[in-house]
Amino acid sequence: MRYLVRKSQAAVEAAAAAVTEAHEEDATALADAIVSGDTSSSAGAVRRARTAEIERRDEAAAAKAAYDRLRVDVSGIAAEVERAERAVDVAMGAVLQPTARRLLDEAKSLRLKFLRRVYAVDTMRALLPPGFEEEKQRLLTLIAPELMAASRVVQQDWRAVIEALKVDSDAPLPG
């Protein structure tokens, strides 16, 4: 579109130059006519050049106005696209939120089951009678990383419970 505006402006400049040239030609023709005693004028060439210049100026103004309008339309479209993208994000969140909530609840349940099993294995290890030291060590090696991680999680959970109880004596205890 800018190309069209530049092309129209170049046409205006060319038409203005044609008007100047027509004036010079008219002045020369008029001077020659006066010398030869002829009373006719070639002002028609100047009028035609001026008309062409006015038409080129109108075309350039129309091209510039069209360019400006399209530029405004593009910025309006960009704002609409941005609003639509935000609406899509909100809609996706609304659709995904129940699934995410369900998966989070399921993960919490699985974590609790896992911790209970780790503690059960640790309890079995501790209850093994003397003479099963090798088995005790294998079980400890098997669950030690999980036991330490589970211990940290449980400690964090209980710290949260203690903080909640400080504020509300009826706060729920972990089940």
C-alpha atoms as a PDB file:
ATOM      1  CA  MET A   1       0.000   0.000   0.000  1.00  0.00           C
ATOM      2  CA  ARG A   2       2.862   2.384   0.764  1.00  0.00           C
ATOM      3  CA  TYR A   3       4.070   1.720  -2.772  1.00  0.00           C
ATOM      4  CA  LEU A   4       0.758   3.065  -4.118  1.00  0.00           C
ATOM      5  CA  VAL A   5       1.088   6.216  -1.972  1.00  0.00           C
ATOM      6  CA  ARG A   6       4.680   6.805  -3.151  1.00  0.00           C
ATOM      7  CA  LYS A   7       3.657   6.189  -6.776  1.00  0.00           C
ATOM      8  CA  SER A   8       0.786   8.700  -6.476  1.00  0.00           C
ATOM      9  CA  GLN A   9       3.084  11.309  -4.912  1.00  0.00           C
ATOM     10  CA  ALA A  10       5.566  10.818  -7.758  1.00  0.00           C
ATOM     11  CA  ALA A  11       2.717  11.336 -10.253  1.00  0.00           C
ATOM     12  CA  VAL A  12       1.789  14.606  -8.473  1.00  0.00           C
ATOM     13  CA  GLU A  13       5.384  15.830  -8.749  1.00  0.00           C
ATOM     14  CA  ALA A  14       5.470  14.914 -12.436  1.00  0.00           C
ATOM     15  CA  ALA A  15       2.160  16.724 -13.034  1.00  0.00           C
ATOM     16  CA  ALA A  16       3.450  19.837 -11.207  1.00  0.00           C
ATOM     17  CA  ALA A  17       6.537  19.782 -13.398  1.00  0.00           C
ATOM     18  CA  ALA A  18       4.276  19.502 -16.468  1.00  0.00           C
ATOM     19  CA  VAL A  19       2.345  22.606 -15.329  1.00  0.00           C
ATOM     20  CA  THR A  20       5.607  24.552 -14.966  1.00  0.00           C
ATOM     21  CA  GLU A  21       6.707  23.351 -18.414  1.00  0.00           C
ATOM     22  CA  ALA A  22       3.305  24.291 -19.912  1.00  0.00           C
ATOM     23  CA  HIS A  23       3.629  27.782 -18.385  1.00  0.00           C
ATOM     24  CA  GLU A  24       7.060  28.185 -19.968  1.00  0.00           C
ATOM     25  CA  GLU A  25       5.816  26.898 -23.319  1.00  0.00           C
ATOM     26  CA  ASP A  26       2.766  29.190 -23.090  1.00  0.00           C
ATOM     27  CA  ALA A  27       4.965  32.175 -22.262  1.00  0.00           C
ATOM     28  CA  THR A  28       7.247  31.365 -25.204  1.00  0.00           C
ATOM     29  CA  ALA A  29       4.277  30.852 -27.557  1.00  0.00           C
ATOM     30  CA  LEU A  30       2.635  34.081 -26.355  1.00  0.00           C
ATOM     31  CA  ALA A  31       5.862  36.026 -26.842  1.00  0.00           C
ATOM     32  CA  ASP A  32       6.216  34.586 -30.368  1.00  0.00           C
ATOM     33  CA  ALA A  33       2.564  35.429 -31.086  1.00  0.00           C
ATOM     34  CA  ILE A  34       3.049  39.026 -29.945  1.00  0.00           C
ATOM     35  CA  VAL A  35       6.123  39.385 -32.133  1.00  0.00           C
ATOM     36  CA  SER A  36       4.312  37.952 -35.148  1.00  0.00           C
ATOM     37  CA  GLY A  37       1.131  39.916 -34.447  1.00  0.00           C
ATOM     38  CA  ASP A  38      -0.973  36.796 -33.687  1.00  0.00           C
ATOM     39  CA  THR A  39      -3.470  37.263 -30.812  1.00  0.00           C
ATOM     40  CA  SER A  40      -4.225  33.607 -30.089  1.00  0.00           C
ATOM     41  CA  SER A  41      -3.072  32.040 -26.836  1.00  0.00           C
ATOM     42  CA  SER A  42      -2.009  28.511 -25.936  1.00  0.00           C
ATOM     43  CA  ALA A  43      -3.458  28.701 -22.388  1.00  0.00           C
ATOM     44  CA  GLY A  44      -5.311  25.447 -23.070  1.00  0.00           C
ATOM     45  CA  ALA A  45      -2.086  23.508 -22.505  1.00  0.00           C
ATOM     46  CA  VAL A  46      -1.690  25.096 -19.064  1.00  0.00           C
ATOM     47  CA  ARG A  47      -5.312  24.307 -18.163  1.00  0.00           C
ATOM     48  CA  ARG A  48      -4.861  20.686 -19.228  1.00  0.00           C
ATOM     49  CA  ALA A  49      -1.625  20.405 -17.204  1.00  0.00           C
ATOM     50  CA  ARG A  50      -3.296  21.985 -14.144  1.00  0.00           C
ATOM     51  CA  THR A  51      -6.261  19.616 -14.454  1.00  0.00           C
ATOM     52  CA  ALA A  52      -3.899  16.644 -14.665  1.00  0.00           C
ATOM     53  CA  GLU A  53      -2.025  17.927 -11.582  1.00  0.00           C
ATOM     54  CA  ILE A  54      -5.263  18.306  -9.596  1.00  0.00           C
ATOM     55  CA  GLU A  55      -6.338  14.792 -10.586  1.00  0.00           C
ATOM     56  CA  ARG A  56      -2.938  13.385  -9.492  1.00  0.00           C
ATOM     57  CA  ARG A  57      -3.202  15.262  -6.167  1.00  0.00           C
ATOM     58  CA  ASP A  58      -6.688  13.815  -5.607  1.00  0.00           C
ATOM     59  CA  GLU A  59      -5.426  10.326  -6.412  1.00  0.00           C
ATOM     60  CA  ALA A  60      -2.476  10.756  -4.023  1.00  0.00           C
ATOM     61  CA  ALA A  61      -4.781  12.003  -1.248  1.00  0.00           C
ATOM     62  CA  ALA A  62      -7.116   9.038  -1.786  1.00  0.00           C
ATOM     63  CA  ALA A  63      -4.204   6.583  -1.706  1.00  0.00           C
ATOM     64  CA  LYS A  64      -2.860   8.161   1.507  1.00  0.00           C
ATOM     65  CA  ALA A  65      -6.313   8.074   3.133  1.00  0.00           C
ATOM     66  CA  ALA A  66      -6.732   4.414   2.157  1.00  0.00           C
ATOM     67  CA  TYR A  67      -3.294   3.611   3.558  1.00  0.00           C
ATOM     68  CA  ASP A  68      -4.084   5.385   6.855  1.00  0.00           C
ATOM     69  CA  ARG A  69      -7.441   3.627   7.141  1.00  0.00           C
ATOM     70  CA  LEU A  70      -5.914   0.198   6.512  1.00  0.00           C
ATOM     71  CA  ARG A  71      -3.221   0.896   9.094  1.00  0.00           C
ATOM     72  CA  VAL A  72      -5.908   1.721  11.683  1.00  0.00           C
ATOM     73  CA  ASP A  73      -7.873  -1.394  10.684  1.00  0.00           C
ATOM     74  CA  VAL A  74      -4.770  -3.563  11.135  1.00  0.00           C
ATOM     75  CA  SER A  75      -4.165  -2.227  14.648  1.00  0.00           C
ATOM     76  CA  GLY A  76      -7.825  -2.878  15.498  1.00  0.00           C
ATOM     77  CA  ILE A  77      -7.517  -6.411  14.167  1.00  0.00           C
ATOM     78  CA  ALA A  78      -4.357  -6.974  16.229  1.00  0.00           C
ATOM     79  CA  ALA A  79      -6.231  -5.910  19.382  1.00  0.00           C
ATOM     80  CA  GLU A  80      -9.104  -8.262  18.511  1.00  0.00           C
ATOM     81  CA  VAL A  81      -6.657 -11.148  17.988  1.00  0.00           C
ATOM     82  CA  GLU A  82      -5.086 -10.442  21.390  1.00  0.00           C
ATOM     83  CA  ARG A  83      -8.521 -10.412  23.076  1.00  0.00           C
ATOM     84  CA  ALA A  84      -9.430 -13.663  21.326  1.00  0.00           C
ATOM     85  CA  GLU A  85      -6.179 -15.311  22.439  1.00  0.00           C
ATOM     86  CA  ARG A  86      -6.886 -14.337  26.063  1.00  0.00           C
ATOM     87  CA  ALA A  87     -10.417 -15.723  25.751  1.00  0.00           C
ATOM     88  CA  VAL A  88      -9.031 -18.996  24.403  1.00  0.00           C
ATOM     89  CA  ASP A  89      -6.611 -19.217  27.351  1.00  0.00           C
ATOM     90  CA  VAL A  90      -9.464 -18.656  29.815  1.00  0.00           C
ATOM     91  CA  ALA A  91     -11.636 -21.237  28.058  1.00  0.00           C
ATOM     92  CA  MET A  92      -8.821 -23.789  28.037  1.00  0.00           C
ATOM     93  CA  GLY A  93      -8.282 -23.219  31.747  1.00  0.00           C
ATOM     94  CA  ALA A  94     -11.980 -23.768  32.411  1.00  0.00           C
ATOM     95  CA  VAL A  95     -11.944 -26.997  30.414  1.00  0.00           C
ATOM     96  CA  LEU A  96      -8.707 -28.318  31.919  1.00  0.00           C
ATOM     97  CA  GLN A  97      -9.315 -27.258  35.538  1.00  0.00           C
ATOM     98  CA  PRO A  98     -11.569 -30.202  36.532  1.00  0.00           C
ATOM     99  CA  THR A  99      -9.151 -32.715  35.014  1.00  0.00           C
ATOM    100  CA  ALA A 100      -6.173 -31.059  36.678  1.00  0.00           C
ATOM    101  CA  ARG A 101      -8.011 -31.053  40.024  1.00  0.00           C
ATOM    102  CA  ARG A 102      -8.855 -34.769  39.640  1.00  0.00           C
ATOM    103  CA  LEU A 103      -5.259 -35.648  38.731  1.00  0.00           C
ATOM    104  CA  LEU A 104      -3.921 -33.663  41.680  1.00  0.00           C
ATOM    105  CA  ASP A 105      -6.323 -35.421  44.070  1.00  0.00           C
ATOM    106  CA  GLU A 106      -5.297 -38.764  42.597  1.00  0.00           C
ATOM    107  CA  ALA A 107      -1.605 -37.906  43.012  1.00  0.00           C
ATOM    108  CA  LYS A 108      -2.186 -36.989  46.669  1.00  0.00           C
ATOM    109  CA  SER A 109      -3.984 -40.298  47.225  1.00  0.00           C
ATOM    110  CA  LEU A 110      -1.178 -42.262  45.546  1.00  0.00           C
ATOM    111  CA  ARG A 111       1.424 -40.425  47.629  1.00  0.00           C
ATOM    112  CA  LEU A 112      -0.430 -41.342  50.819  1.00  0.00           C
ATOM    113  CA  LYS A 113      -0.662 -45.012  49.762  1.00  0.00           C
ATOM    114  CA  PHE A 114       3.027 -45.019  48.895  1.00  0.00           C
ATOM    115  CA  LEU A 115       4.015 -43.494  52.236  1.00  0.00           C
ATOM    116  CA  ARG A 116       1.914 -46.049  54.095  1.00  0.00           C
ATOM    117  CA  ARG A 117       3.651 -48.889  52.243  1.00  0.00           C
ATOM    118  CA  VAL A 118       7.102 -47.433  52.906  1.00  0.00           C
ATOM    119  CA  TYR A 119       6.306 -47.201  56.604  1.00  0.00           C
ATOM    120  CA  ALA A 120       4.875 -50.746  56.568  1.00  0.00           C
ATOM    121  CA  VAL A 121       8.072 -52.102  55.011  1.00  0.00           C
ATOM    122  CA  ASP A 122      10.124 -50.144  57.566  1.00  0.00           C
ATOM    123  CA  THR A 123       7.998 -51.552  60.393  1.00  0.00           C
ATOM    124  CA  MET A 124       8.451 -55.103  59.065  1.00  0.00           C
ATOM    125  CA  ARG A 125      12.195 -54.505  58.868  1.00  0.00           C
ATOM    126  CA  ALA A 126      12.290 -53.344  62.464  1.00  0.00           C
ATOM    127  CA  LEU A 127      10.241 -56.372  63.633  1.00  0.00           C
ATOM    128  CA  LEU A 128      12.436 -58.988  61.999  1.00  0.00           C
ATOM    129  CA  PRO A 129      13.995 -61.160  64.722  1.00  0.00           C
ATOM    130  CA  PRO A 130      17.726 -61.423  65.309  1.00  0.00           C
ATOM    131  CA  GLY A 131      19.514 -63.440  62.661  1.00  0.00           C
ATOM    132  CA  PHE A 132      17.852 -61.637  59.769  1.00  0.00           C
ATOM    133  CA  GLU A 133      20.379 -58.796  59.681  1.00  0.00           C
ATOM    134  CA  GLU A 134      21.124 -59.293  55.989  1.00  0.00           C
ATOM    135  CA  GLU A 135      17.407 -59.071  55.108  1.00  0.00           C
ATOM    136  CA  LYS A 136      17.043 -56.002  57.344  1.00  0.00           C
ATOM    137  CA  GLN A 137      19.917 -54.312  55.509  1.00  0.00           C
ATOM    138  CA  ARG A 138      18.491 -55.187  52.065  1.00  0.00           C
ATOM    139  CA  LEU A 139      15.090 -53.769  53.056  1.00  0.00           C
ATOM    140  CA  LEU A 140      16.704 -50.622  54.447  1.00  0.00           C
ATOM    141  CA  THR A 141      18.747 -50.202  51.263  1.00  0.00           C
ATOM    142  CA  LEU A 142      15.577 -50.699  49.239  1.00  0.00           C
ATOM    143  CA  ILE A 143      13.459 -48.125  51.050  1.00  0.00           C
ATOM    144  CA  ALA A 144      16.014 -45.708  52.524  1.00  0.00           C
ATOM    145  CA  PRO A 145      15.721 -42.983  49.846  1.00  0.00           C
ATOM    146  CA  GLU A 146      11.913 -43.198  49.847  1.00  0.00           C
ATOM    147  CA  LEU A 147      11.830 -43.354  53.644  1.00  0.00           C
ATOM    148  CA  MET A 148      13.917 -40.195  53.934  1.00  0.00           C
ATOM    149  CA  ALA A 149      11.818 -38.390  51.322  1.00  0.00           C
ATOM    150  CA  ALA A 150       8.610 -39.595  52.955  1.00  0.00           C
ATOM    151  CA  SER A 151       9.884 -38.446  56.330  1.00  0.00           C
ATOM    152  CA  ARG A 152      10.518 -34.944  54.958  1.00  0.00           C
ATOM    153  CA  VAL A 153       7.058 -34.842  53.374  1.00  0.00           C
ATOM    154  CA  VAL A 154       5.395 -36.017  56.575  1.00  0.00           C
ATOM    155  CA  GLN A 155       7.354 -33.465  58.597  1.00  0.00           C
ATOM    156  CA  GLN A 156       6.248 -30.706  56.213  1.00  0.00           C
ATOM    157  CA  ASP A 157       2.647 -31.912  56.405  1.00  0.00           C
ATOM    158  CA  TRP A 158       2.734 -31.920  60.213  1.00  0.00           C
ATOM    159  CA  ARG A 159       4.356 -28.485  60.325  1.00  0.00           C
ATOM    160  CA  ALA A 160       1.471 -27.195  58.224  1.00  0.00           C
ATOM    161  CA  VAL A 161      -1.004 -28.897  60.579  1.00  0.00           C
ATOM    162  CA  ILE A 162       0.688 -27.367  63.628  1.00  0.00           C
ATOM    163  CA  GLU A 163       0.581 -23.893  62.047  1.00  0.00           C
ATOM    164  CA  ALA A 164      -3.087 -24.384  61.173  1.00  0.00           C
ATOM    165  CA  LEU A 165      -3.853 -25.501  64.750  1.00  0.00           C
ATOM    166  CA  LYS A 166      -2.181 -22.384  66.131  1.00  0.00           C
ATOM    167  CA  VAL A 167      -4.748 -20.306  64.239  1.00  0.00           C
ATOM    168  CA  ASP A 168      -7.751 -22.634  64.497  1.00  0.00           C
ATOM    169  CA  SER A 169      -8.007 -25.290  67.192  1.00  0.00           C
ATOM    170  CA  ASP A 170     -10.596 -27.137  65.091  1.00  0.00           C
ATOM    171  CA  ALA A 171      -8.344 -27.421  62.028  1.00  0.00           C
ATOM    172  CA  PRO A 172      -8.530 -30.886  60.407  1.00  0.00           C
ATOM    173  CA  LEU A 173      -5.808 -33.401  61.113  1.00  0.00           C
ATOM    174  CA  PRO A 174      -4.297 -35.481  58.263  1.00  0.00           C
ATOM    175  CA  GLY A 175      -6.153 -38.714  57.678  1.00  0.00           C
END
